[in-house]
All heavy atoms as atom14 arrays in JSON, in Angstrom:
{
  "sequence": "SLKREAAARQATVDIGFWGGAIPSSLTHLEPLHDAGVFGFKAFLS",
  "atom14_mask": [
    [1, 1, 1, 1, 1, 1, 0, 0, 0, 0, 0, 0, 0, 0],
    [1, 1, 1, 1, 1, 1, 1, 1, 0, 0, 0, 0, 0, 0],
    [1, 1, 1, 1, 1, 1, 1, 1, 1, 0, 0, 0, 0, 0],
    [1, 1, 1, 1, 1, 1, 1, 1, 1, 1, 1, 0, 0, 0],
    [1, 1, 1, 1, 1, 1, 1, 1, 1, 0, 0, 0, 0, 0],
    [1, 1, 1, 1, 1, 0, 0, 0, 0, 0, 0, 0, 0, 0],
    [1, 1, 1, 1, 1, 0, 0, 0, 0, 0, 0, 0, 0, 0],
    [1, 1, 1, 1, 1, 0, 0, 0, 0, 0, 0, 0, 0, 0],
    [1, 1, 1, 1, 1, 1, 1, 1, 1, 1, 1, 0, 0, 0],
    [1, 1, 1, 1, 1, 1, 1, 1, 1, 0, 0, 0, 0, 0],
    [1, 1, 1, 1, 1, 0, 0, 0, 0, 0, 0, 0, 0, 0],
    [1, 1, 1, 1, 1, 1, 1, 0, 0, 0, 0, 0, 0, 0],
    [1, 1, 1, 1, 1, 1, 1, 0, 0, 0, 0, 0, 0, 0],
    [1, 1, 1, 1, 1, 1, 1, 1, 0, 0, 0, 0, 0, 0],
    [1, 1, 1, 1, 1, 1, 1, 1, 0, 0, 0, 0, 0, 0],
    [1, 1, 1, 1, 0, 0, 0, 0, 0, 0, 0, 0, 0, 0],
    [1, 1, 1, 1, 1, 1, 1, 1, 1, 1, 1, 0, 0, 0],
    [1, 1, 1, 1, 1, 1, 1, 1, 1, 1, 1, 1, 1, 1],
    [1, 1, 1, 1, 0, 0, 0, 0, 0, 0, 0, 0, 0, 0],
    [1, 1, 1, 1, 0, 0, 0, 0, 0, 0, 0, 0, 0, 0],
    [1, 1, 1, 1, 1, 0, 0, 0, 0, 0, 0, 0, 0, 0],
    [1, 1, 1, 1, 1, 1, 1, 1, 0, 0, 0, 0, 0, 0],
    [1, 1, 1, 1, 1, 1, 1, 0, 0, 0, 0, 0, 0, 0],
    [1, 1, 1, 1, 1, 1, 0, 0, 0, 0, 0, 0, 0, 0],
    [1, 1, 1, 1, 1, 1, 0, 0, 0, 0, 0, 0, 0, 0],
    [1, 1, 1, 1, 1, 1, 1, 1, 0, 0, 0, 0, 0, 0],
    [1, 1, 1, 1, 1, 1, 1, 0, 0, 0, 0, 0, 0, 0],
    [1, 1, 1, 1, 1, 1, 1, 1, 1, 1, 0, 0, 0, 0],
    [1, 1, 1, 1, 1, 1, 1, 1, 0, 0, 0, 0, 0, 0],
    [1, 1, 1, 1, 1, 1, 1, 1, 1, 0, 0, 0, 0, 0],
    [1, 1, 1, 1, 1, 1, 1, 0, 0, 0, 0, 0, 0, 0],
    [1, 1, 1, 1, 1, 1, 1, 1, 0, 0, 0, 0, 0, 0],
    [1, 1, 1, 1, 1, 1, 1, 1, 1, 1, 0, 0, 0, 0],
    [1, 1, 1, 1, 1, 1, 1, 1, 0, 0, 0, 0, 0, 0],
    [1, 1, 1, 1, 1, 0, 0, 0, 0, 0, 0, 0, 0, 0],
    [1, 1, 1, 1, 0, 0, 0, 0, 0, 0, 0, 0, 0, 0],
    [1, 1, 1, 1, 1, 1, 1, 0, 0, 0, 0, 0, 0, 0],
    [1, 1, 1, 1, 1, 1, 1, 1, 1, 1, 1, 0, 0, 0],
    [1, 1, 1, 1, 0, 0, 0, 0, 0, 0, 0, 0, 0, 0],
    [1, 1, 1, 1, 1, 1, 1, 1, 1, 1, 1, 0, 0, 0],
    [1, 1, 1, 1, 1, 1, 1, 1, 1, 0, 0, 0, 0, 0],
    [1, 1, 1, 1, 1, 0, 0, 0, 0, 0, 0, 0, 0, 0],
    [1, 1, 1, 1, 1, 1, 1, 1, 1, 1, 1, 0, 0, 0],
    [1, 1, 1, 1, 1, 1, 1, 1, 0, 0, 0, 0, 0, 0],
    [1, 1, 1, 1, 1, 1, 0, 0, 0, 0, 0, 0, 0, 0]
  ],
  "atom14_positions": [
    [[-120.24, 146.73, 41.38], [-119.82, 146.27, 42.62], [-119.56, 144.76, 42.6], [-118.67, 144.25, 43.3], [-120.85, 146.68, 43.62], [-120.97, 148.07, 43.83], [0.0, 0.0, 0.0], [0.0, 0.0, 0.0], [0.0, 0.0, 0.0], [0.0, 0.0, 0.0], [0.0, 0.0, 0.0], [0.0, 0.0, 0.0], [0.0, 0.0, 0.0], [0.0, 0.0, 0.0]],
    [[-120.48, 143.92, 42.0], [-120.29, 142.55, 41.91], [-118.97, 142.19, 41.23], [-118.31, 141.24, 41.61], [-121.52, 141.88, 41.18], [-122.86, 141.89, 41.85], [-123.9, 141.36, 40.92], [-122.82, 141.09, 43.18], [0.0, 0.0, 0.0], [0.0, 0.0, 0.0], [0.0, 0.0, 0.0], [0.0, 0.0, 0.0], [0.0, 0.0, 0.0], [0.0, 0.0, 0.0]],
    [[-118.69, 142.9, 40.09], [-117.44, 142.66, 39.45], [-116.2, 142.89, 40.38], [-115.28, 142.06, 40.42], [-117.35, 143.58, 38.19], [-118.09, 143.17, 36.98], [-117.26, 142.33, 36.15], [-117.87, 142.06, 34.85], [-117.09, 141.19, 33.95], [0.0, 0.0, 0.0], [0.0, 0.0, 0.0], [0.0, 0.0, 0.0], [0.0, 0.0, 0.0], [0.0, 0.0, 0.0]],
    [[-116.29, 144.04, 40.99], [-115.2, 144.41, 41.89], [-114.97, 143.38, 42.98], [-113.85, 143.02, 43.34], [-115.42, 145.79, 42.5], [-115.18, 146.92, 41.5], [-115.5, 148.29, 42.09], [-114.93, 149.3, 41.27], [-115.37, 150.57, 41.25], [-116.43, 150.89, 42.01], [-114.78, 151.48, 40.52], [0.0, 0.0, 0.0], [0.0, 0.0, 0.0], [0.0, 0.0, 0.0]],
    [[-116.05, 142.9, 43.58], [-115.98, 141.95, 44.68], [-115.34, 140.67, 44.12], [-114.48, 140.08, 44.81], [-117.32, 141.63, 45.13], [-117.94, 142.79, 46.03], [-119.45, 142.62, 46.36], [-119.98, 141.49, 46.11], [-120.03, 143.62, 46.81], [0.0, 0.0, 0.0], [0.0, 0.0, 0.0], [0.0, 0.0, 0.0], [0.0, 0.0, 0.0], [0.0, 0.0, 0.0]],
    [[-115.75, 140.23, 42.96], [-115.16, 138.94, 42.38], [-113.71, 139.15, 42.04], [-112.95, 138.28, 42.31], [-115.98, 138.62, 41.11], [0.0, 0.0, 0.0], [0.0, 0.0, 0.0], [0.0, 0.0, 0.0], [0.0, 0.0, 0.0], [0.0, 0.0, 0.0], [0.0, 0.0, 0.0], [0.0, 0.0, 0.0], [0.0, 0.0, 0.0], [0.0, 0.0, 0.0]],
    [[-113.31, 140.27, 41.5], [-111.94, 140.49, 41.04], [-111.04, 140.65, 42.25], [-109.88, 140.15, 42.27], [-111.89, 141.75, 40.16], [0.0, 0.0, 0.0], [0.0, 0.0, 0.0], [0.0, 0.0, 0.0], [0.0, 0.0, 0.0], [0.0, 0.0, 0.0], [0.0, 0.0, 0.0], [0.0, 0.0, 0.0], [0.0, 0.0, 0.0], [0.0, 0.0, 0.0]],
    [[-111.45, 141.3, 43.33], [-110.67, 141.64, 44.45], [-110.08, 140.42, 45.14], [-108.98, 140.42, 45.72], [-111.3, 142.52, 45.45], [0.0, 0.0, 0.0], [0.0, 0.0, 0.0], [0.0, 0.0, 0.0], [0.0, 0.0, 0.0], [0.0, 0.0, 0.0], [0.0, 0.0, 0.0], [0.0, 0.0, 0.0], [0.0, 0.0, 0.0], [0.0, 0.0, 0.0]],
    [[-110.77, 139.28, 45.01], [-110.33, 138.13, 45.74], [-109.33, 137.3, 44.96], [-108.74, 136.4, 45.46], [-111.62, 137.19, 45.86], [-112.68, 137.75, 46.7], [-113.78, 136.68, 47.1], [-114.34, 136.13, 45.92], [-115.51, 136.56, 45.42], [-116.11, 137.65, 45.98], [-116.02, 136.02, 44.33], [0.0, 0.0, 0.0], [0.0, 0.0, 0.0], [0.0, 0.0, 0.0]],
    [[-109.1, 137.65, 43.69], [-108.47, 136.71, 42.81], [-107.27, 137.37, 41.95], [-106.63, 136.65, 41.21], [-109.41, 136.01, 41.78], [-110.62, 135.39, 42.54], [-111.63, 134.83, 41.48], [-111.31, 133.83, 40.81], [-112.69, 135.52, 41.3], [0.0, 0.0, 0.0], [0.0, 0.0, 0.0], [0.0, 0.0, 0.0], [0.0, 0.0, 0.0], [0.0, 0.0, 0.0]],
    [[-107.27, 138.66, 41.92], [-106.41, 139.36, 40.82], [-104.99, 139.18, 41.04], [-104.48, 139.29, 42.08], [-106.84, 140.79, 40.76], [0.0, 0.0, 0.0], [0.0, 0.0, 0.0], [0.0, 0.0, 0.0], [0.0, 0.0, 0.0], [0.0, 0.0, 0.0], [0.0, 0.0, 0.0], [0.0, 0.0, 0.0], [0.0, 0.0, 0.0], [0.0, 0.0, 0.0]],
    [[-104.16, 138.85, 39.97], [-102.78, 138.83, 39.9], [-102.23, 140.15, 39.29], [-101.14, 140.46, 39.67], [-102.28, 137.69, 39.13], [-102.79, 136.48, 39.7], [-100.81, 137.62, 39.05], [0.0, 0.0, 0.0], [0.0, 0.0, 0.0], [0.0, 0.0, 0.0], [0.0, 0.0, 0.0], [0.0, 0.0, 0.0], [0.0, 0.0, 0.0], [0.0, 0.0, 0.0]],
    [[-102.96, 140.77, 38.48], [-102.63, 142.08, 37.82], [-103.66, 143.05, 38.26], [-104.71, 142.78, 38.76], [-102.3, 141.96, 36.32], [-101.31, 140.95, 36.01], [-103.66, 141.66, 35.57], [0.0, 0.0, 0.0], [0.0, 0.0, 0.0], [0.0, 0.0, 0.0], [0.0, 0.0, 0.0], [0.0, 0.0, 0.0], [0.0, 0.0, 0.0], [0.0, 0.0, 0.0]],
    [[-103.41, 144.39, 37.78], [-104.4, 145.47, 38.04], [-105.56, 145.33, 37.09], [-105.38, 144.88, 35.89], [-103.77, 146.73, 38.02], [-102.89, 147.1, 39.23], [-102.94, 146.31, 40.19], [-102.25, 148.09, 39.24], [0.0, 0.0, 0.0], [0.0, 0.0, 0.0], [0.0, 0.0, 0.0], [0.0, 0.0, 0.0], [0.0, 0.0, 0.0], [0.0, 0.0, 0.0]],
    [[-106.79, 145.72, 37.56], [-107.97, 145.52, 36.75], [-108.81, 146.75, 36.85], [-109.02, 147.46, 37.92], [-108.84, 144.4, 37.26], [-107.99, 143.06, 37.28], [-110.05, 144.18, 36.37], [-108.75, 141.97, 38.0], [0.0, 0.0, 0.0], [0.0, 0.0, 0.0], [0.0, 0.0, 0.0], [0.0, 0.0, 0.0], [0.0, 0.0, 0.0], [0.0, 0.0, 0.0]],
    [[-109.3, 147.3, 35.69], [-110.21, 148.28, 35.58], [-111.5, 147.77, 34.85], [-111.41, 146.72, 34.33], [0.0, 0.0, 0.0], [0.0, 0.0, 0.0], [0.0, 0.0, 0.0], [0.0, 0.0, 0.0], [0.0, 0.0, 0.0], [0.0, 0.0, 0.0], [0.0, 0.0, 0.0], [0.0, 0.0, 0.0], [0.0, 0.0, 0.0], [0.0, 0.0, 0.0]],
    [[-112.54, 148.55, 34.83], [-113.75, 148.09, 34.24], [-114.4, 149.13, 33.25], [-114.47, 150.31, 33.59], [-114.8, 147.77, 35.33], [-114.31, 146.73, 36.36], [-113.64, 147.16, 37.48], [-114.38, 145.38, 36.07], [-113.17, 146.23, 38.32], [-113.89, 144.45, 37.0], [-113.26, 144.87, 38.12], [0.0, 0.0, 0.0], [0.0, 0.0, 0.0], [0.0, 0.0, 0.0]],
    [[-114.85, 148.63, 32.13], [-115.72, 149.41, 31.22], [-117.15, 149.25, 31.75], [-117.52, 148.14, 32.14], [-115.6, 148.92, 29.83], [-114.22, 149.16, 29.2], [-113.39, 148.19, 28.81], [-113.6, 150.44, 28.8], [-112.27, 148.8, 28.28], [-112.38, 150.11, 28.27], [-114.0, 151.75, 28.85], [-111.49, 151.04, 27.75], [-113.13, 152.67, 28.43], [-111.95, 152.38, 27.86]],
    [[-118.01, 150.15, 31.49], [-119.43, 150.1, 31.71], [-120.07, 149.73, 30.37], [-119.44, 149.76, 29.31], [0.0, 0.0, 0.0], [0.0, 0.0, 0.0], [0.0, 0.0, 0.0], [0.0, 0.0, 0.0], [0.0, 0.0, 0.0], [0.0, 0.0, 0.0], [0.0, 0.0, 0.0], [0.0, 0.0, 0.0], [0.0, 0.0, 0.0], [0.0, 0.0, 0.0]],
    [[-121.4, 149.48, 30.35], [-122.14, 149.2, 29.18], [-123.21, 150.24, 28.94], [-123.82, 150.71, 29.81], [0.0, 0.0, 0.0], [0.0, 0.0, 0.0], [0.0, 0.0, 0.0], [0.0, 0.0, 0.0], [0.0, 0.0, 0.0], [0.0, 0.0, 0.0], [0.0, 0.0, 0.0], [0.0, 0.0, 0.0], [0.0, 0.0, 0.0], [0.0, 0.0, 0.0]],
    [[-123.38, 150.59, 27.65], [-124.43, 151.45, 27.18], [-125.41, 150.59, 26.32], [-125.1, 150.22, 25.2], [-123.87, 152.58, 26.38], [0.0, 0.0, 0.0], [0.0, 0.0, 0.0], [0.0, 0.0, 0.0], [0.0, 0.0, 0.0], [0.0, 0.0, 0.0], [0.0, 0.0, 0.0], [0.0, 0.0, 0.0], [0.0, 0.0, 0.0], [0.0, 0.0, 0.0]],
    [[-126.51, 150.19, 26.97], [-127.59, 149.44, 26.26], [-128.82, 150.24, 26.35], [-128.94, 151.23, 27.05], [-127.75, 148.1, 26.91], [-128.19, 148.21, 28.39], [-126.41, 147.17, 26.78], [-128.41, 146.86, 29.07], [0.0, 0.0, 0.0], [0.0, 0.0, 0.0], [0.0, 0.0, 0.0], [0.0, 0.0, 0.0], [0.0, 0.0, 0.0], [0.0, 0.0, 0.0]],
    [[-129.85, 149.92, 25.54], [-131.08, 150.81, 25.54], [-131.68, 151.12, 26.96], [-131.96, 152.25, 27.2], [-132.08, 149.91, 24.68], [-131.16, 149.11, 23.74], [-129.95, 148.83, 24.55], [0.0, 0.0, 0.0], [0.0, 0.0, 0.0], [0.0, 0.0, 0.0], [0.0, 0.0, 0.0], [0.0, 0.0, 0.0], [0.0, 0.0, 0.0], [0.0, 0.0, 0.0]],
    [[-131.61, 150.08, 27.84], [-132.22, 150.39, 29.19], [-131.35, 151.18, 30.05], [-131.83, 151.72, 31.03], [-132.54, 149.04, 29.89], [-131.34, 148.26, 30.07], [0.0, 0.0, 0.0], [0.0, 0.0, 0.0], [0.0, 0.0, 0.0], [0.0, 0.0, 0.0], [0.0, 0.0, 0.0], [0.0, 0.0, 0.0], [0.0, 0.0, 0.0], [0.0, 0.0, 0.0]],
    [[-130.09, 151.42, 29.75], [-129.19, 152.21, 30.58], [-128.98, 153.62, 30.16], [-128.41, 154.41, 30.85], [-127.81, 151.57, 30.72], [-127.08, 151.61, 29.5], [0.0, 0.0, 0.0], [0.0, 0.0, 0.0], [0.0, 0.0, 0.0], [0.0, 0.0, 0.0], [0.0, 0.0, 0.0], [0.0, 0.0, 0.0], [0.0, 0.0, 0.0], [0.0, 0.0, 0.0]],
    [[-129.57, 153.95, 28.95], [-129.46, 155.31, 28.49], [-130.26, 156.25, 29.48], [-131.31, 155.79, 29.94], [-130.03, 155.41, 27.04], [-129.27, 154.67, 25.98], [-129.82, 154.9, 24.6], [-127.74, 154.86, 26.02], [0.0, 0.0, 0.0], [0.0, 0.0, 0.0], [0.0, 0.0, 0.0], [0.0, 0.0, 0.0], [0.0, 0.0, 0.0], [0.0, 0.0, 0.0]],
    [[-129.76, 157.38, 29.61], [-130.19, 158.44, 30.62], [-129.78, 158.13, 31.96], [-129.97, 158.89, 32.94], [-131.69, 158.67, 30.52], [-132.41, 157.56, 31.14], [-132.24, 158.88, 29.14], [0.0, 0.0, 0.0], [0.0, 0.0, 0.0], [0.0, 0.0, 0.0], [0.0, 0.0, 0.0], [0.0, 0.0, 0.0], [0.0, 0.0, 0.0], [0.0, 0.0, 0.0]],
    [[-129.03, 157.01, 32.19], [-128.52, 156.63, 33.49], [-127.07, 156.36, 33.46], [-126.64, 155.59, 34.35], [-129.31, 155.35, 34.02], [-130.81, 155.5, 34.0], [-131.48, 156.36, 34.83], [-131.67, 154.88, 33.25], [-132.79, 156.29, 34.62], [-132.96, 155.36, 33.63], [0.0, 0.0, 0.0], [0.0, 0.0, 0.0], [0.0, 0.0, 0.0], [0.0, 0.0, 0.0]],
    [[-126.31, 156.91, 32.5], [-124.96, 156.56, 32.4], [-124.04, 157.29, 33.43], [-123.07, 156.72, 33.88], [-124.47, 156.89, 31.01], [-125.14, 156.15, 29.79], [-124.61, 156.58, 28.48], [-125.03, 154.66, 30.01], [0.0, 0.0, 0.0], [0.0, 0.0, 0.0], [0.0, 0.0, 0.0], [0.0, 0.0, 0.0], [0.0, 0.0, 0.0], [0.0, 0.0, 0.0]],
    [[-124.37, 158.47, 33.82], [-123.52, 159.2, 34.7], [-123.26, 158.55, 36.08], [-122.07, 158.57, 36.5], [-123.91, 160.67, 34.84], [-122.98, 161.55, 35.52], [-123.18, 163.04, 35.41], [-124.29, 163.36, 34.92], [-122.33, 163.82, 35.78], [0.0, 0.0, 0.0], [0.0, 0.0, 0.0], [0.0, 0.0, 0.0], [0.0, 0.0, 0.0], [0.0, 0.0, 0.0]],
    [[-124.21, 157.98, 36.64], [-124.04, 157.35, 37.96], [-123.01, 156.21, 37.83], [-122.13, 156.02, 38.73], [-125.36, 156.73, 38.38], [-126.35, 157.76, 37.74], [-125.81, 158.02, 36.42], [0.0, 0.0, 0.0], [0.0, 0.0, 0.0], [0.0, 0.0, 0.0], [0.0, 0.0, 0.0], [0.0, 0.0, 0.0], [0.0, 0.0, 0.0], [0.0, 0.0, 0.0]],
    [[-122.97, 155.45, 36.74], [-122.06, 154.37, 36.59], [-120.66, 155.03, 36.32], [-119.6, 154.45, 36.81], [-122.44, 153.44, 35.45], [-121.61, 152.29, 35.17], [-121.49, 151.35, 36.45], [-122.27, 151.33, 34.09], [0.0, 0.0, 0.0], [0.0, 0.0, 0.0], [0.0, 0.0, 0.0], [0.0, 0.0, 0.0], [0.0, 0.0, 0.0], [0.0, 0.0, 0.0]],
    [[-120.55, 156.05, 35.59], [-119.38, 156.76, 35.41], [-118.74, 157.27, 36.74], [-117.62, 157.12, 37.05], [-119.59, 157.99, 34.48], [-118.47, 158.88, 34.32], [-118.18, 160.03, 35.14], [-117.33, 158.91, 33.39], [-117.13, 160.62, 34.69], [-116.6, 159.92, 33.68], [0.0, 0.0, 0.0], [0.0, 0.0, 0.0], [0.0, 0.0, 0.0], [0.0, 0.0, 0.0]],
    [[-119.67, 157.84, 37.58], [-119.17, 158.32, 38.91], [-118.68, 157.25, 39.77], [-117.84, 157.42, 40.68], [-120.34, 159.08, 39.52], [-120.64, 160.41, 38.79], [-119.79, 160.9, 38.04], [-121.69, 160.99, 39.06], [0.0, 0.0, 0.0], [0.0, 0.0, 0.0], [0.0, 0.0, 0.0], [0.0, 0.0, 0.0], [0.0, 0.0, 0.0], [0.0, 0.0, 0.0]],
    [[-119.22, 155.97, 39.6], [-118.88, 154.78, 40.31], [-117.55, 154.25, 39.93], [-116.98, 153.45, 40.59], [-119.95, 153.74, 40.19], [0.0, 0.0, 0.0], [0.0, 0.0, 0.0], [0.0, 0.0, 0.0], [0.0, 0.0, 0.0], [0.0, 0.0, 0.0], [0.0, 0.0, 0.0], [0.0, 0.0, 0.0], [0.0, 0.0, 0.0], [0.0, 0.0, 0.0]],
    [[-117.06, 154.73, 38.77], [-115.55, 154.37, 38.46], [-115.29, 153.6, 37.14], [-114.22, 153.13, 37.05], [0.0, 0.0, 0.0], [0.0, 0.0, 0.0], [0.0, 0.0, 0.0], [0.0, 0.0, 0.0], [0.0, 0.0, 0.0], [0.0, 0.0, 0.0], [0.0, 0.0, 0.0], [0.0, 0.0, 0.0], [0.0, 0.0, 0.0], [0.0, 0.0, 0.0]],
    [[-116.27, 153.47, 36.26], [-115.92, 152.85, 34.98], [-115.04, 153.86, 34.07], [-115.19, 155.02, 34.29], [-117.19, 152.31, 34.32], [-117.94, 151.29, 35.03], [-118.12, 153.51, 33.85], [0.0, 0.0, 0.0], [0.0, 0.0, 0.0], [0.0, 0.0, 0.0], [0.0, 0.0, 0.0], [0.0, 0.0, 0.0], [0.0, 0.0, 0.0], [0.0, 0.0, 0.0]],
    [[-114.38, 153.25, 33.15], [-113.56, 154.08, 32.26], [-114.23, 154.62, 31.14], [-113.71, 155.5, 30.41], [-112.3, 153.29, 31.84], [-111.35, 152.96, 32.88], [-111.47, 152.03, 33.88], [-110.22, 153.79, 33.09], [-110.62, 151.77, 34.85], [-109.3, 153.63, 34.06], [-109.47, 152.59, 35.04], [0.0, 0.0, 0.0], [0.0, 0.0, 0.0], [0.0, 0.0, 0.0]],
    [[-115.46, 154.14, 30.85], [-116.13, 154.56, 29.73], [-117.28, 153.52, 29.48], [-117.41, 152.62, 30.33], [0.0, 0.0, 0.0], [0.0, 0.0, 0.0], [0.0, 0.0, 0.0], [0.0, 0.0, 0.0], [0.0, 0.0, 0.0], [0.0, 0.0, 0.0], [0.0, 0.0, 0.0], [0.0, 0.0, 0.0], [0.0, 0.0, 0.0], [0.0, 0.0, 0.0]],
    [[-117.88, 153.54, 28.27], [-119.11, 152.82, 28.08], [-119.01, 152.07, 26.75], [-118.84, 152.76, 25.66], [-120.37, 153.69, 28.14], [-120.52, 154.29, 29.45], [-119.93, 155.43, 29.79], [-121.38, 153.7, 30.41], [-120.05, 156.04, 31.03], [-121.48, 154.27, 31.66], [-120.84, 155.47, 31.96], [0.0, 0.0, 0.0], [0.0, 0.0, 0.0], [0.0, 0.0, 0.0]],
    [[-119.21, 150.77, 26.76], [-119.22, 149.96, 25.47], [-120.68, 149.86, 24.87], [-121.61, 149.62, 25.66], [-118.65, 148.59, 25.68], [-118.61, 147.78, 24.37], [-117.95, 146.43, 24.57], [-117.82, 145.83, 23.15], [-117.06, 144.53, 23.26], [0.0, 0.0, 0.0], [0.0, 0.0, 0.0], [0.0, 0.0, 0.0], [0.0, 0.0, 0.0], [0.0, 0.0, 0.0]],
    [[-120.72, 150.1, 23.61], [-122.04, 149.81, 22.92], [-121.8, 148.97, 21.73], [-120.74, 149.03, 21.0], [-122.64, 151.22, 22.49], [0.0, 0.0, 0.0], [0.0, 0.0, 0.0], [0.0, 0.0, 0.0], [0.0, 0.0, 0.0], [0.0, 0.0, 0.0], [0.0, 0.0, 0.0], [0.0, 0.0, 0.0], [0.0, 0.0, 0.0], [0.0, 0.0, 0.0]],
    [[-122.79, 148.14, 21.37], [-122.81, 147.43, 20.17], [-123.8, 148.13, 19.23], [-124.84, 148.59, 19.63], [-123.31, 145.98, 20.46], [-122.22, 145.01, 20.75], [-121.66, 144.95, 22.1], [-121.71, 144.09, 19.89], [-120.69, 144.14, 22.43], [-120.77, 143.14, 20.21], [-120.32, 143.2, 21.43], [0.0, 0.0, 0.0], [0.0, 0.0, 0.0], [0.0, 0.0, 0.0]],
    [[-123.42, 148.19, 17.98], [-124.36, 148.69, 16.93], [-125.04, 147.6, 16.23], [-125.88, 147.86, 15.35], [-123.62, 149.72, 16.01], [-122.91, 150.84, 16.79], [-122.4, 151.84, 15.76], [-123.86, 151.49, 17.75], [0.0, 0.0, 0.0], [0.0, 0.0, 0.0], [0.0, 0.0, 0.0], [0.0, 0.0, 0.0], [0.0, 0.0, 0.0], [0.0, 0.0, 0.0]],
    [[-124.71, 146.42, 16.42], [-125.38, 145.17, 15.94], [-125.47, 144.16, 17.08], [-124.86, 144.34, 18.16], [-124.51, 144.62, 14.77], [-123.2, 144.28, 15.24], [0.0, 0.0, 0.0], [0.0, 0.0, 0.0], [0.0, 0.0, 0.0], [0.0, 0.0, 0.0], [0.0, 0.0, 0.0], [0.0, 0.0, 0.0], [0.0, 0.0, 0.0], [0.0, 0.0, 0.0]]
  ]
}
């Protein structure tokens, strides 16, 4: 929501958002998916 609020005020082109998969967000990914992210980024290092 914070991202969307910041982008909506300033965007010249269309914008979508990836979500993040970090240790603390595991088992909680679906609510973020339902909120409208396109998928989830993870680092393996």
